Amino acid sequence: MIGGAGSLELEPGVVRADSDELLRAVLDQVGLPREYAAAVRGHREALNVLRTSNRLWTHFSPAEDISPGERTGRFRIGGDQPVLDADGRSRISAEDASVALIDEAELPHFVQRRFTIGY
């Protein structure tokens, strides 16, 4: 499943999707309507359903800033917390996110787990 970055832990136990204040701030920052908060929370709930199911699953939460760019093939992989670059940003190109998804489909490493990527 491909979810969103809003369910990633900003620090242990702190998830943006759980906080109206944190969620509104990031939606305002990236220019999305505040109504989009429902979709962010929906992705978090879908992940929670997977975690309690008896199905085989993998959940991909891309970086907070995912946009068209260059395919570098060079990125870092993480689990429940965002992968941050040297400037403290969680970002990835759509092209590198595609590489990560295909890599996981071809050689699964995150069965029954969530993963994320970033530079």
N, C-alpha and C. Protein backbone atom coordinates (compact mmCIF):
# COMPACT_ATOMS: atom_id res chain seq x y z
N MET A 1 0.84 -1.17 0.00
CA MET A 1 0.00 0.00 0.00
C MET A 1 0.89 1.24 0.00
N ILE A 2 0.49 2.23 -0.75
CA ILE A 2 1.18 3.52 -0.72
C ILE A 2 0.32 4.47 0.11
N GLY A 3 0.89 4.96 1.17
CA GLY A 3 0.18 5.87 2.05
C GLY A 3 0.78 7.26 1.95
N GLY A 4 0.74 7.96 3.05
CA GLY A 4 1.27 9.32 3.08
C GLY A 4 2.29 9.48 4.18
N ALA A 5 2.93 10.63 4.19
CA ALA A 5 3.96 10.92 5.19
C ALA A 5 3.35 11.39 6.51
N GLY A 6 2.08 11.73 6.53
CA GLY A 6 1.45 12.24 7.75
C GLY A 6 1.39 11.26 8.89
N SER A 7 1.58 9.97 8.59
CA SER A 7 1.56 8.96 9.65
C SER A 7 2.95 8.65 10.18
N LEU A 8 3.98 9.28 9.61
CA LEU A 8 5.34 9.07 10.11
C LEU A 8 5.51 9.76 11.46
N GLU A 9 6.33 9.18 12.32
CA GLU A 9 6.58 9.77 13.64
C GLU A 9 7.60 10.89 13.52
N LEU A 10 7.23 12.08 13.96
CA LEU A 10 8.16 13.20 13.97
C LEU A 10 9.20 13.02 15.06
N GLU A 11 8.80 12.38 16.13
CA GLU A 11 9.65 11.91 17.21
C GLU A 11 8.86 10.77 17.84
N PRO A 12 9.48 9.94 18.67
CA PRO A 12 8.74 8.79 19.19
C PRO A 12 7.38 9.18 19.79
N GLY A 13 6.33 8.58 19.25
CA GLY A 13 4.98 8.81 19.74
C GLY A 13 4.29 10.05 19.22
N VAL A 14 4.97 10.88 18.41
CA VAL A 14 4.37 12.11 17.88
C VAL A 14 4.16 11.95 16.37
N VAL A 15 2.90 11.88 15.97
CA VAL A 15 2.52 11.70 14.57
C VAL A 15 1.75 12.93 14.12
N ARG A 16 2.16 13.51 13.01
CA ARG A 16 1.53 14.73 12.51
C ARG A 16 0.01 14.54 12.35
N ALA A 17 -0.42 13.38 11.87
CA ALA A 17 -1.85 13.14 11.64
C ALA A 17 -2.65 13.13 12.93
N ASP A 18 -2.00 12.99 14.07
CA ASP A 18 -2.70 12.99 15.37
C ASP A 18 -2.87 14.38 15.94
N SER A 19 -2.25 15.38 15.35
CA SER A 19 -2.27 16.74 15.90
C SER A 19 -2.87 17.72 14.90
N ASP A 20 -4.01 18.33 15.28
CA ASP A 20 -4.62 19.34 14.41
C ASP A 20 -3.64 20.46 14.12
N GLU A 21 -2.93 20.91 15.13
CA GLU A 21 -2.00 22.04 14.97
C GLU A 21 -0.87 21.70 13.99
N LEU A 22 -0.23 20.55 14.18
CA LEU A 22 0.87 20.15 13.30
C LEU A 22 0.39 19.91 11.88
N LEU A 23 -0.76 19.30 11.76
CA LEU A 23 -1.30 18.98 10.45
C LEU A 23 -1.71 20.26 9.69
N ARG A 24 -2.39 21.17 10.36
CA ARG A 24 -2.76 22.43 9.72
C ARG A 24 -1.53 23.21 9.26
N ALA A 25 -0.51 23.23 10.10
CA ALA A 25 0.71 23.98 9.77
C ALA A 25 1.34 23.47 8.48
N VAL A 26 1.46 22.15 8.34
CA VAL A 26 2.10 21.62 7.14
C VAL A 26 1.20 21.79 5.91
N LEU A 27 -0.10 21.65 6.07
CA LEU A 27 -1.01 21.85 4.94
C LEU A 27 -0.93 23.29 4.45
N ASP A 28 -0.90 24.23 5.39
CA ASP A 28 -0.76 25.65 5.02
C ASP A 28 0.58 25.89 4.33
N GLN A 29 1.63 25.26 4.85
CA GLN A 29 2.98 25.47 4.30
C GLN A 29 3.08 25.01 2.85
N VAL A 30 2.46 23.87 2.53
CA VAL A 30 2.57 23.34 1.17
C VAL A 30 1.42 23.80 0.27
N GLY A 31 0.49 24.59 0.82
CA GLY A 31 -0.57 25.16 0.00
C GLY A 31 -1.74 24.25 -0.27
N LEU A 32 -1.95 23.27 0.59
CA LEU A 32 -3.11 22.39 0.42
C LEU A 32 -4.25 22.87 1.30
N PRO A 33 -5.49 22.66 0.86
CA PRO A 33 -6.63 23.06 1.70
C PRO A 33 -6.66 22.24 3.00
N ARG A 34 -7.12 22.85 4.05
CA ARG A 34 -7.17 22.16 5.35
C ARG A 34 -8.07 20.94 5.32
N GLU A 35 -9.01 20.89 4.39
CA GLU A 35 -9.88 19.72 4.27
C GLU A 35 -9.09 18.45 3.91
N TYR A 36 -7.90 18.65 3.38
CA TYR A 36 -7.04 17.52 3.03
C TYR A 36 -6.63 16.72 4.27
N ALA A 37 -6.80 17.30 5.45
CA ALA A 37 -6.47 16.62 6.71
C ALA A 37 -7.21 15.28 6.82
N ALA A 38 -8.43 15.23 6.29
CA ALA A 38 -9.19 13.97 6.35
C ALA A 38 -8.49 12.86 5.58
N ALA A 39 -7.90 13.20 4.43
CA ALA A 39 -7.16 12.20 3.66
C ALA A 39 -5.91 11.75 4.39
N VAL A 40 -5.22 12.68 5.02
CA VAL A 40 -4.01 12.34 5.79
C VAL A 40 -4.38 11.38 6.92
N ARG A 41 -5.44 11.69 7.62
CA ARG A 41 -5.87 10.81 8.72
C ARG A 41 -6.36 9.46 8.20
N GLY A 42 -6.97 9.47 7.01
CA GLY A 42 -7.42 8.22 6.41
C GLY A 42 -6.25 7.28 6.11
N HIS A 43 -5.15 7.84 5.63
CA HIS A 43 -3.96 7.03 5.39
C HIS A 43 -3.41 6.46 6.69
N ARG A 44 -3.43 7.27 7.75
CA ARG A 44 -2.97 6.78 9.06
C ARG A 44 -3.86 5.63 9.54
N GLU A 45 -5.17 5.77 9.38
CA GLU A 45 -6.09 4.72 9.81
C GLU A 45 -5.91 3.45 8.98
N ALA A 46 -5.67 3.60 7.69
CA ALA A 46 -5.44 2.43 6.84
C ALA A 46 -4.20 1.67 7.30
N LEU A 47 -3.16 2.39 7.66
CA LEU A 47 -1.96 1.74 8.18
C LEU A 47 -2.27 1.01 9.48
N ASN A 48 -3.06 1.61 10.34
CA ASN A 48 -3.42 0.95 11.59
C ASN A 48 -4.22 -0.33 11.35
N VAL A 49 -5.09 -0.32 10.34
CA VAL A 49 -5.84 -1.52 9.98
C VAL A 49 -4.88 -2.61 9.52
N LEU A 50 -3.92 -2.26 8.67
CA LEU A 50 -2.93 -3.24 8.22
C LEU A 50 -2.17 -3.83 9.40
N ARG A 51 -1.76 -2.98 10.31
CA ARG A 51 -0.95 -3.44 11.45
C ARG A 51 -1.69 -4.44 12.33
N THR A 52 -3.00 -4.37 12.36
CA THR A 52 -3.77 -5.29 13.21
C THR A 52 -4.35 -6.46 12.41
N SER A 53 -4.08 -6.51 11.12
CA SER A 53 -4.63 -7.59 10.30
C SER A 53 -3.72 -8.81 10.32
N ASN A 54 -4.25 -9.89 9.81
CA ASN A 54 -3.44 -11.11 9.67
C ASN A 54 -3.00 -11.31 8.22
N ARG A 55 -3.05 -10.25 7.43
CA ARG A 55 -2.65 -10.29 6.02
C ARG A 55 -1.17 -9.98 5.87
N LEU A 56 -0.59 -10.41 4.76
CA LEU A 56 0.76 -9.99 4.42
C LEU A 56 0.65 -8.61 3.77
N TRP A 57 1.40 -7.67 4.26
CA TRP A 57 1.30 -6.31 3.76
C TRP A 57 2.65 -5.61 3.83
N THR A 58 2.76 -4.57 3.03
CA THR A 58 3.87 -3.63 3.08
C THR A 58 3.26 -2.25 2.87
N HIS A 59 3.70 -1.29 3.63
CA HIS A 59 3.18 0.08 3.52
C HIS A 59 4.34 1.02 3.21
N PHE A 60 4.19 1.80 2.15
CA PHE A 60 5.21 2.77 1.77
C PHE A 60 4.72 4.17 2.08
N SER A 61 5.43 4.87 2.94
CA SER A 61 5.17 6.29 3.22
C SER A 61 6.29 7.08 2.59
N PRO A 62 6.03 7.77 1.49
CA PRO A 62 7.10 8.54 0.87
C PRO A 62 7.51 9.72 1.75
N ALA A 63 8.56 10.39 1.36
CA ALA A 63 9.01 11.57 2.08
C ALA A 63 7.89 12.63 2.09
N GLU A 64 7.99 13.57 3.03
CA GLU A 64 6.98 14.62 3.14
C GLU A 64 6.90 15.46 1.87
N ASP A 65 8.04 15.71 1.25
CA ASP A 65 8.08 16.49 0.00
C ASP A 65 8.45 15.53 -1.12
N ILE A 66 7.44 15.11 -1.88
CA ILE A 66 7.67 14.26 -3.03
C ILE A 66 7.21 15.02 -4.26
N SER A 67 8.12 15.18 -5.21
CA SER A 67 7.79 15.95 -6.41
C SER A 67 8.64 15.46 -7.58
N PRO A 68 8.21 15.78 -8.80
CA PRO A 68 9.00 15.38 -9.96
C PRO A 68 10.42 15.92 -9.84
N GLY A 69 11.36 15.15 -10.33
CA GLY A 69 12.76 15.56 -10.26
C GLY A 69 13.64 14.58 -10.98
N GLU A 70 14.80 14.39 -10.44
CA GLU A 70 15.80 13.53 -11.06
C GLU A 70 15.79 12.13 -10.44
N ARG A 71 15.99 11.14 -11.28
CA ARG A 71 16.17 9.77 -10.79
C ARG A 71 17.66 9.61 -10.47
N THR A 72 17.98 9.53 -9.19
CA THR A 72 19.37 9.40 -8.78
C THR A 72 19.72 7.96 -8.42
N GLY A 73 18.71 7.21 -7.93
CA GLY A 73 18.97 5.86 -7.44
C GLY A 73 19.72 5.87 -6.12
N ARG A 74 19.94 7.06 -5.58
CA ARG A 74 20.68 7.21 -4.32
C ARG A 74 19.78 7.88 -3.28
N PHE A 75 19.30 7.09 -2.36
CA PHE A 75 18.44 7.59 -1.30
C PHE A 75 18.61 6.69 -0.10
N ARG A 76 18.12 7.15 1.03
CA ARG A 76 18.21 6.36 2.26
C ARG A 76 16.82 5.81 2.60
N ILE A 77 16.82 4.67 3.23
CA ILE A 77 15.57 3.99 3.59
C ILE A 77 15.40 4.07 5.10
N GLY A 78 14.16 4.31 5.52
CA GLY A 78 13.86 4.37 6.94
C GLY A 78 12.61 3.56 7.26
N GLY A 79 12.21 3.64 8.51
CA GLY A 79 11.04 2.89 8.99
C GLY A 79 9.88 3.80 9.32
N ASP A 80 9.71 4.12 10.59
CA ASP A 80 8.55 4.89 11.04
C ASP A 80 8.81 6.38 11.18
N GLN A 81 10.05 6.82 11.06
CA GLN A 81 10.36 8.25 11.13
C GLN A 81 10.83 8.74 9.77
N PRO A 82 10.56 10.00 9.44
CA PRO A 82 11.00 10.52 8.15
C PRO A 82 12.52 10.49 8.03
N VAL A 83 13.01 10.25 6.83
CA VAL A 83 14.44 10.34 6.53
C VAL A 83 14.70 11.80 6.16
N LEU A 84 15.61 12.44 6.88
CA LEU A 84 15.87 13.86 6.68
C LEU A 84 17.21 14.08 5.99
N ASP A 85 17.26 15.10 5.13
CA ASP A 85 18.52 15.43 4.47
C ASP A 85 19.36 16.34 5.38
N ALA A 86 20.48 16.82 4.88
CA ALA A 86 21.39 17.64 5.68
C ALA A 86 20.74 18.94 6.15
N ASP A 87 19.70 19.39 5.44
CA ASP A 87 18.99 20.61 5.83
C ASP A 87 17.78 20.33 6.72
N GLY A 88 17.61 19.06 7.12
CA GLY A 88 16.49 18.70 7.99
C GLY A 88 15.17 18.54 7.27
N ARG A 89 15.21 18.39 5.94
CA ARG A 89 13.99 18.23 5.15
C ARG A 89 13.78 16.77 4.77
N SER A 90 12.53 16.37 4.72
CA SER A 90 12.12 15.05 4.27
C SER A 90 11.68 15.21 2.83
N ARG A 91 12.55 14.78 1.88
CA ARG A 91 12.22 14.99 0.47
C ARG A 91 12.74 13.85 -0.39
N ILE A 92 12.05 13.65 -1.52
CA ILE A 92 12.43 12.62 -2.49
C ILE A 92 11.80 12.99 -3.84
N SER A 93 12.44 12.59 -4.91
CA SER A 93 11.83 12.79 -6.22
C SER A 93 10.84 11.65 -6.48
N ALA A 94 9.84 11.92 -7.30
CA ALA A 94 8.89 10.89 -7.67
C ALA A 94 9.60 9.74 -8.39
N GLU A 95 10.64 10.09 -9.13
CA GLU A 95 11.39 9.08 -9.86
C GLU A 95 12.11 8.12 -8.90
N ASP A 96 12.74 8.65 -7.85
CA ASP A 96 13.41 7.78 -6.88
C ASP A 96 12.40 7.01 -6.02
N ALA A 97 11.24 7.61 -5.76
CA ALA A 97 10.19 6.87 -5.04
C ALA A 97 9.75 5.67 -5.87
N SER A 98 9.66 5.84 -7.17
CA SER A 98 9.29 4.73 -8.05
C SER A 98 10.33 3.62 -8.00
N VAL A 99 11.60 4.01 -8.00
CA VAL A 99 12.69 3.02 -7.90
C VAL A 99 12.55 2.23 -6.60
N ALA A 100 12.29 2.92 -5.50
CA ALA A 100 12.16 2.24 -4.20
C ALA A 100 10.99 1.26 -4.20
N LEU A 101 9.88 1.65 -4.80
CA LEU A 101 8.72 0.76 -4.86
C LEU A 101 9.01 -0.48 -5.69
N ILE A 102 9.65 -0.30 -6.84
CA ILE A 102 9.98 -1.45 -7.69
C ILE A 102 10.99 -2.36 -6.99
N ASP A 103 11.99 -1.75 -6.34
CA ASP A 103 12.96 -2.55 -5.58
C ASP A 103 12.26 -3.41 -4.54
N GLU A 104 11.31 -2.82 -3.81
CA GLU A 104 10.59 -3.57 -2.77
C GLU A 104 9.72 -4.66 -3.38
N ALA A 105 9.09 -4.38 -4.51
CA ALA A 105 8.25 -5.40 -5.16
C ALA A 105 9.09 -6.58 -5.65
N GLU A 106 10.28 -6.29 -6.16
CA GLU A 106 11.14 -7.34 -6.69
C GLU A 106 11.84 -8.15 -5.60
N LEU A 107 12.23 -7.50 -4.52
CA LEU A 107 12.94 -8.16 -3.43
C LEU A 107 12.43 -7.60 -2.10
N PRO A 108 11.32 -8.15 -1.59
CA PRO A 108 10.68 -7.60 -0.39
C PRO A 108 11.58 -7.64 0.85
N HIS A 109 11.67 -6.50 1.50
CA HIS A 109 12.39 -6.39 2.77
C HIS A 109 11.46 -5.94 3.90
N PHE A 110 10.28 -5.45 3.55
CA PHE A 110 9.41 -4.81 4.54
C PHE A 110 8.04 -5.47 4.63
N VAL A 111 8.00 -6.78 4.66
CA VAL A 111 6.75 -7.50 4.82
C VAL A 111 6.30 -7.32 6.26
N GLN A 112 5.03 -6.95 6.43
CA GLN A 112 4.44 -6.67 7.73
C GLN A 112 5.02 -5.41 8.36
N ARG A 113 5.57 -4.52 7.55
CA ARG A 113 6.16 -3.28 8.07
C ARG A 113 5.94 -2.14 7.10
N ARG A 114 6.18 -0.96 7.61
CA ARG A 114 6.14 0.26 6.82
C ARG A 114 7.58 0.67 6.55
N PHE A 115 7.79 1.33 5.39
CA PHE A 115 9.08 1.93 5.13
C PHE A 115 8.89 3.28 4.47
N THR A 116 9.93 4.08 4.55
CA THR A 116 9.94 5.39 3.93
C THR A 116 11.31 5.60 3.30
N ILE A 117 11.43 6.63 2.51
CA ILE A 117 12.72 6.95 1.89
C ILE A 117 12.93 8.46 1.90
N GLY A 118 14.15 8.87 1.69
CA GLY A 118 14.47 10.28 1.58
C GLY A 118 15.95 10.44 1.25
N TYR A 119 16.33 11.65 0.97
CA TYR A 119 17.74 11.93 0.65
C TYR A 119 18.54 12.20 1.91
